[in-house]
Protein backbone atom coordinates (compact mmCIF):
# COMPACT_ATOMS: atom_id res chain seq x y z
CA MET A 1 9.29 57.00 2.40
CA PRO A 2 6.28 58.39 0.48
CA ALA A 3 3.20 56.22 0.40
CA THR A 4 2.68 54.18 -2.75
CA HIS A 5 -0.06 52.00 -4.15
CA LYS A 6 0.20 48.55 -2.59
CA ASN A 7 0.41 46.89 -6.02
CA ALA A 8 3.05 49.32 -7.25
CA PRO A 9 5.88 49.51 -4.69
CA SER A 10 8.46 52.28 -4.92
CA ALA A 11 12.07 51.89 -6.01
CA GLY A 12 14.92 50.92 -3.74
CA ASN A 13 18.14 52.87 -3.30
CA ALA A 14 20.49 50.70 -5.35
CA ARG A 15 23.36 52.20 -7.30
CA THR A 16 24.10 51.19 -10.87
CA ARG A 17 26.90 51.47 -13.40
CA ASP A 18 26.21 53.73 -16.35
CA GLY A 19 26.43 51.78 -19.60
CA ARG A 20 28.19 54.68 -21.34
CA GLY A 21 31.11 54.99 -18.92
CA ASN A 22 32.55 54.01 -15.59
CA GLN A 23 30.66 56.58 -13.55
CA LYS A 24 28.24 55.10 -11.03
CA LEU A 25 24.85 56.74 -10.94
CA ALA A 26 23.00 57.15 -7.66
CA THR A 27 19.29 56.49 -7.65
CA LEU A 28 17.60 59.84 -7.01
CA GLY A 29 14.03 60.74 -6.15
CA VAL A 30 11.81 62.92 -3.99
CA GLY A 31 13.73 65.72 -2.28
CA ASP A 32 16.93 65.29 -4.31
CA THR A 33 18.41 67.96 -6.59
CA LEU A 34 17.50 66.87 -10.10
CA GLY A 35 19.13 68.41 -13.16
CA GLU A 36 19.56 72.16 -12.68
CA GLY A 37 17.44 72.15 -9.53
CA ASP A 38 14.25 73.24 -11.32
CA SER A 39 13.09 69.64 -11.80
CA SER A 40 11.44 67.30 -9.32
CA ILE A 41 9.38 64.15 -8.95
CA VAL A 42 5.98 63.93 -7.28
CA VAL A 43 4.66 60.56 -6.08
CA ASP A 44 1.00 59.64 -5.58
CA VAL A 45 0.08 62.48 -7.91
CA LEU A 46 -3.38 61.08 -8.73
CA PRO A 47 -6.08 60.29 -6.19
CA GLN A 48 -6.13 56.58 -5.41
CA ASP A 49 -9.44 55.83 -7.11
CA LEU A 50 -8.14 57.29 -10.39
CA ALA A 51 -4.67 55.76 -10.07
CA ASP A 52 -6.21 52.29 -9.65
CA VAL A 53 -8.08 52.39 -12.98
CA ALA A 54 -6.20 54.89 -15.17
CA PHE A 55 -3.85 52.41 -16.85
CA GLU A 56 -6.53 49.95 -17.97
CA ASN A 57 -8.93 52.74 -18.93
CA MET A 58 -6.32 54.40 -21.12
CA ARG A 59 -5.45 51.17 -22.88
CA ARG A 60 -9.07 51.07 -24.06
CA GLU A 61 -9.82 54.77 -24.53
CA VAL A 62 -6.70 56.06 -26.29
CA ALA A 63 -6.33 55.79 -30.08
CA TRP A 64 -2.83 54.29 -30.32
CA ASN A 65 -0.63 54.83 -33.39
CA SER A 66 2.88 54.33 -34.68
CA MET A 67 5.05 57.41 -35.24
CA TYR A 68 7.99 57.71 -37.60
CA HIS A 69 11.22 59.45 -36.65
CA HIS A 70 13.11 61.86 -38.90
CA VAL A 71 16.86 61.39 -39.18
CA ARG A 72 18.09 63.04 -42.39
CA GLY A 73 15.22 61.50 -44.27
CA PRO A 74 12.29 59.22 -43.37
CA GLY A 75 13.14 56.85 -40.56
CA GLY A 76 11.52 53.80 -38.99
CA ALA A 77 8.74 53.63 -36.44
CA VAL A 78 9.67 54.74 -32.93
CA PRO A 79 9.93 51.82 -30.46
CA ARG A 80 6.65 52.49 -28.62
CA LEU A 81 3.01 53.23 -29.42
CA VAL A 82 1.92 56.85 -29.30
CA ALA A 83 -1.15 59.08 -29.30
CA VAL A 84 -1.67 62.84 -29.23
CA GLU A 85 -4.54 64.61 -27.47
CA GLY A 86 -5.22 68.24 -26.72
CA GLN A 87 -7.61 71.10 -26.12
CA VAL A 88 -9.74 71.66 -29.22
CA ASP A 89 -11.41 75.08 -29.32
CA ALA A 90 -14.98 75.74 -30.47
CA ASP A 91 -13.75 76.75 -33.94
CA GLY A 92 -11.82 73.49 -34.27
CA SER A 93 -8.35 75.02 -33.79
CA PHE A 94 -5.88 73.09 -31.66
CA PRO A 95 -2.31 73.25 -30.26
CA ILE A 96 0.58 71.86 -32.28
CA TYR A 97 3.85 70.49 -30.85
CA ARG A 98 6.57 70.04 -33.46
CA HIS A 99 9.54 67.72 -33.06
CA PRO A 100 11.67 65.54 -35.38
CA ALA A 101 8.99 63.16 -36.59
CA ASP A 102 8.02 62.74 -40.22
CA GLU A 103 4.35 62.97 -39.32
CA SER A 104 2.80 62.78 -35.87
CA PRO A 105 -0.53 61.06 -35.19
CA PRO A 106 -3.59 63.29 -35.48
CA LEU A 107 -4.51 65.27 -32.38
CA LEU A 108 -7.80 64.18 -30.81
CA PRO A 109 -9.71 65.89 -27.99
CA PHE A 110 -8.73 64.85 -24.47
CA SER A 111 -10.25 61.44 -23.74
CA ARG A 112 -12.13 60.90 -20.49
CA THR A 113 -9.38 59.48 -18.28
CA VAL A 114 -6.69 61.72 -19.77
CA SER A 115 -8.90 64.73 -19.04
CA LEU A 116 -9.11 63.73 -15.38
CA ILE A 117 -5.34 63.32 -15.19
CA ARG A 118 -4.85 66.69 -16.88
CA GLU A 119 -6.99 68.42 -14.24
CA ARG A 120 -4.81 67.00 -11.48
CA VAL A 121 -1.59 67.93 -13.30
CA GLN A 122 -2.72 71.55 -13.69
CA THR A 123 -3.53 71.76 -9.99
CA VAL A 124 -0.11 70.47 -8.93
CA LEU A 125 1.81 72.38 -11.60
CA ASN A 126 -0.08 75.65 -11.11
CA HIS A 127 -0.14 76.49 -14.81
CA PRO A 128 -2.25 75.22 -17.72
CA VAL A 129 -1.39 72.34 -20.03
CA ASN A 130 -3.25 72.01 -23.33
CA HIS A 131 -1.41 69.19 -25.13
CA VAL A 132 -0.31 65.66 -24.25
CA LEU A 133 1.87 63.10 -26.01
CA ILE A 134 0.88 59.66 -24.71
CA GLN A 135 3.31 56.76 -25.10
CA HIS A 136 2.82 53.06 -24.44
CA TYR A 137 6.01 51.19 -23.54
CA ARG A 138 4.90 47.61 -24.17
CA SER A 139 7.92 45.99 -22.50
CA GLY A 140 11.47 46.75 -21.41
CA ALA A 141 12.48 46.61 -25.07
CA ASP A 142 10.60 49.86 -25.80
CA TYR A 143 12.59 53.01 -25.08
CA ILE A 144 13.17 56.66 -25.99
CA SER A 145 16.65 57.95 -26.84
CA GLU A 146 18.23 60.75 -24.84
CA HIS A 147 17.12 64.17 -26.08
CA SER A 148 16.03 67.65 -25.10
CA ASP A 149 12.39 68.52 -25.69
CA LYS A 150 11.99 70.93 -28.58
CA THR A 151 10.59 74.25 -27.38
CA ILE A 152 9.66 76.31 -30.43
CA ASP A 153 5.99 75.72 -29.55
CA VAL A 154 6.23 75.34 -25.74
CA VAL A 155 5.13 78.48 -23.87
CA ARG A 156 8.33 80.06 -22.64
CA GLY A 157 9.10 79.56 -18.96
CA SER A 158 6.56 76.75 -18.55
CA ASN A 159 7.37 73.28 -17.22
CA ILE A 160 6.97 69.99 -19.06
CA VAL A 161 5.61 67.09 -17.03
CA ASN A 162 5.58 63.33 -17.47
CA VAL A 163 3.02 61.22 -15.62
CA SER A 164 3.90 57.51 -15.29
CA LEU A 165 1.35 54.71 -15.02
CA GLY A 166 2.07 50.98 -14.84
CA ALA A 167 5.52 49.43 -14.63
CA GLN A 168 8.35 51.44 -13.18
CA ARG A 169 11.01 52.52 -15.67
CA VAL A 170 14.12 54.61 -15.09
CA MET A 171 14.72 58.04 -16.58
CA THR A 172 18.32 59.09 -17.15
CA LEU A 173 19.32 62.74 -17.06
CA ARG A 174 22.70 63.35 -18.72
CA MET A 175 24.48 66.70 -18.87
CA LYS A 176 25.02 67.97 -22.40
CA LYS A 177 28.52 67.42 -23.70
CA ASP A 178 29.41 71.08 -24.23
CA ARG A 179 28.52 71.98 -20.64
CA ALA A 180 30.27 68.95 -19.16
CA GLN A 181 33.48 69.97 -20.92
CA GLN A 182 33.43 73.25 -18.98
CA LEU A 183 33.45 71.52 -15.60
CA PRO A 184 36.72 71.37 -13.63
CA ASP A 185 36.48 67.60 -13.14
CA ALA A 186 38.73 66.03 -15.76
CA GLU A 187 36.73 62.79 -15.63
CA THR A 188 33.91 64.45 -17.56
CA ALA A 189 36.03 64.13 -20.69
CA THR A 190 34.95 60.49 -20.86
CA SER A 191 31.92 60.34 -18.58
CA ARG A 192 29.42 63.17 -18.33
CA PRO A 193 27.50 63.83 -15.10
CA ALA A 194 24.27 61.87 -15.12
CA GLN A 195 21.40 60.99 -12.82
CA ARG A 196 19.17 57.93 -12.58
CA ILE A 197 15.55 58.61 -11.59
CA PRO A 198 13.04 55.75 -11.15
CA LEU A 199 9.51 56.66 -12.29
CA PRO A 200 7.06 54.52 -10.31
CA HIS A 201 3.37 54.06 -11.00
CA ASN A 202 1.33 57.19 -10.21
CA SER A 203 4.30 59.55 -10.25
CA MET A 204 4.89 62.83 -12.09
CA PHE A 205 8.30 64.05 -13.21
CA ILE A 206 8.49 67.85 -13.62
CA LEU A 207 11.09 68.89 -16.20
CA GLY A 208 12.12 72.50 -15.64
CA PRO A 209 13.20 74.68 -18.58
CA GLU A 210 16.82 75.01 -17.39
CA THR A 211 17.18 71.25 -16.99
CA ASN A 212 15.73 70.70 -20.46
CA LYS A 213 18.19 73.26 -21.83
CA LYS A 214 21.34 71.85 -20.21
CA TRP A 215 20.61 68.13 -19.82
CA LEU A 216 19.33 65.32 -22.05
CA HIS A 217 16.71 62.87 -20.78
CA GLY A 218 15.62 59.44 -21.95
CA ILE A 219 14.28 56.01 -21.01
CA ASN A 220 16.82 53.29 -21.81
CA HIS A 221 16.22 49.66 -22.73
CA ASP A 222 15.64 47.27 -19.85
CA ASN A 223 16.24 43.86 -21.38
CA ARG A 224 16.73 41.95 -18.13
CA PRO A 225 14.71 38.74 -17.90
CA PHE A 226 11.28 39.44 -16.42
CA HIS A 227 11.93 37.29 -13.34
CA GLN A 228 14.95 39.43 -12.42
CA LYS A 229 12.85 42.58 -12.12
CA ASP A 230 11.29 43.70 -8.86
CA GLU A 231 7.60 44.04 -8.14
CA ALA A 232 7.37 47.69 -9.23
CA GLU A 233 9.06 46.87 -12.54
CA ARG A 234 6.74 43.90 -13.17
CA TYR A 235 3.57 45.86 -12.40
CA GLN A 236 0.99 45.73 -15.22
CA ASN A 237 2.99 42.88 -16.76
CA GLY A 238 5.91 45.23 -17.36
CA GLU A 239 3.94 47.70 -19.49
CA ARG A 240 4.12 51.46 -18.91
CA ILE A 241 2.01 54.37 -20.15
CA SER A 242 3.50 57.86 -19.96
CA LEU A 243 1.71 61.15 -20.51
CA THR A 244 3.86 64.17 -21.39
CA PHE A 245 1.83 67.32 -20.82
CA ARG A 246 2.92 70.67 -22.24
CA HIS A 247 1.61 74.22 -22.37
CA ILE A 248 1.67 74.94 -26.09
CA GLY A 249 1.54 78.43 -27.60
CA THR A 250 1.32 77.52 -31.32
CA PHE A 251 -1.96 76.55 -32.98
CA LEU A 252 -3.41 75.15 -36.20
CA THR A 253 -6.78 75.92 -37.73
CA LYS A 254 -9.26 73.06 -37.99
CA ASP A 255 -8.33 72.26 -41.59
CA MET A 256 -4.61 72.45 -40.72
CA SER A 257 -4.01 74.99 -43.49
CA MET A 258 -3.04 77.92 -41.23
CA ILE A 259 -0.65 78.20 -38.29
CA TYR A 260 -0.43 80.95 -35.68
CA GLY A 261 0.94 81.78 -32.24
CA GLN A 262 4.37 81.61 -30.61
CA GLY A 263 6.15 79.30 -33.05
CA SER A 264 4.78 80.77 -36.28
CA THR A 265 5.97 83.75 -38.31
CA GLY A 266 2.75 85.58 -37.42
CA ILE A 267 4.33 87.29 -34.41
CA ALA A 268 5.15 90.86 -35.45
CA ASP A 269 8.81 91.86 -35.78
CA GLY A 270 10.14 93.15 -32.48
CA ASP A 271 7.46 91.41 -30.42
CA THR A 272 8.58 88.99 -27.73
CA THR A 273 6.83 85.74 -26.85
CA GLU A 274 7.98 85.86 -23.24
CA ASN A 275 5.45 86.59 -20.49
CA VAL A 276 2.44 86.57 -22.81
CA THR A 277 -0.86 84.78 -22.29
CA GLU A 278 -2.29 82.00 -24.40
CA GLY A 279 -5.09 84.36 -25.39
CA GLN A 280 -2.59 86.89 -26.71
CA LEU A 281 -0.77 84.22 -28.69
CA LYS A 282 -4.03 83.15 -30.30
CA LYS A 283 -4.49 86.68 -31.65
CA ALA A 284 -1.31 86.45 -33.75
CA ASP A 285 -1.71 86.64 -37.53
CA LYS A 286 -2.47 83.33 -39.20
CA LYS A 287 0.03 82.12 -41.80
CA PRO A 288 -0.21 79.33 -44.40
CA VAL A 289 1.33 76.04 -43.31
CA VAL A 290 4.50 75.04 -45.17
CA ASN A 291 4.60 71.38 -46.22
CA GLY A 292 7.58 69.61 -47.79
CA THR A 293 10.77 71.32 -48.88
CA ASN A 294 8.95 74.10 -50.78
CA GLU A 295 12.07 75.03 -52.74
CA GLY A 296 12.79 78.74 -52.87
CA ASN A 297 11.09 79.45 -49.55
CA PRO A 298 13.60 80.25 -46.76
CA ASP A 299 11.18 78.74 -44.24
CA THR A 300 12.10 75.15 -45.12
CA PRO A 301 11.90 71.95 -43.07
CA GLY A 302 15.70 71.71 -43.19
CA LYS A 303 16.04 74.98 -41.32
CA LEU A 304 13.76 73.81 -38.52
CA ILE A 305 15.46 70.40 -38.34
CA GLU A 306 18.80 72.22 -37.97
CA ALA A 307 17.37 74.28 -35.10
CA PHE A 308 16.12 71.10 -33.41
CA GLY A 309 19.62 69.65 -33.66
CA LYS A 310 21.15 72.76 -32.12
CA GLU A 311 18.69 72.61 -29.23
CA ASN A 312 19.56 68.97 -28.65
CA GLY A 313 23.29 69.65 -28.48
CA GLN A 314 23.80 73.14 -27.05
CA SER A 315 23.43 73.93 -23.35
CA ASP A 316 23.52 77.65 -24.22
CA PHE A 317 20.92 77.30 -26.99
CA ASP A 318 19.81 80.73 -28.18
CA TRP A 319 16.02 80.47 -28.46
CA ASP A 320 15.60 83.91 -30.01
CA LYS A 321 18.24 83.25 -32.66
CA TRP A 322 16.90 79.89 -33.78
CA TYR A 323 13.17 80.15 -33.06
CA GLY A 324 12.50 83.86 -32.60
CA GLN A 325 11.52 84.46 -36.24
CA GLY A 326 9.10 81.54 -36.13
CA SER A 327 8.53 78.76 -38.63
CA ASN A 328 5.38 77.72 -40.48
CA VAL A 329 6.63 74.22 -41.30
CA LEU A 330 4.33 71.44 -40.20
CA HIS A 331 5.43 68.26 -41.97
CA PHE A 332 9.04 67.39 -42.72
CA THR A 333 8.15 65.07 -45.58
CA VAL A 334 5.19 64.86 -47.92
CA GLN A 335 3.93 61.49 -49.08
CA LYS A 336 3.89 61.23 -52.85
CA ALA A 337 0.58 60.53 -54.50
CA GLU A 338 0.34 56.98 -55.80
């Protein structure tokens, strides 16, 4: 069994019943085949001196916010606190990661502890990450629904990683419905293949692009009474901080008026965004950001929201069809002036 911090013991090997069906999910971890086989979990990812202080340091250093989810119109606050940090260039430009939120918190430069974690992540991952979404799960009541990460802005072929600090929570991987229906096992008609992966303190889950394409992932509620949880789940009083690092290829200018790179329309017709460097993406033509519905403009928020929905539901999602032309949409709603 891999070594773990003495105050944050690793998970056991219990099996559990999936709340969405009768299928029992095995607890998987290091060395197991996760998703499509391009995903994995790394334990003890941070050096011990950093792992011992990272949670408390981040609670103080990170500028926490609420974020509002978009579901066919403005939605409520997501059930967790969030923050966004990233690599800010000398001219003030910075990476942008778009997903179905009405408006994300402002991106701030990497804070001290996050910067140290980022350095370690890049070493283990062997490719750069320039953006992080930080989420604070305050108790077992906080969760994130099953989804696929949206990849219009994620450098193609790169991995997405999630570093866990604090209380252990369980990630569920669930095969997308359309792919499950193609399997010979008739049971998948009512219960899709799924995996249960505990994420202990000081671990890093690596989400490969094929797993993100063909499986959904999420962190479900854990509303068991506190005394029924084990030591790893009670660590840091049941609170968890997660850091989702991505290599982003789309950028905004300092004043947020112009967008450029992989996910914008500034890539010339016929050009491909595969196998290109971040430096090359930054040389793409800058285009004005589109805010609101901007009637009459084919590059509308509705079009991008539709593409996000397709990516969430299709295991054979055609990136070039839905994202290849780019989109300059930044906000999905615009607050009216009072």
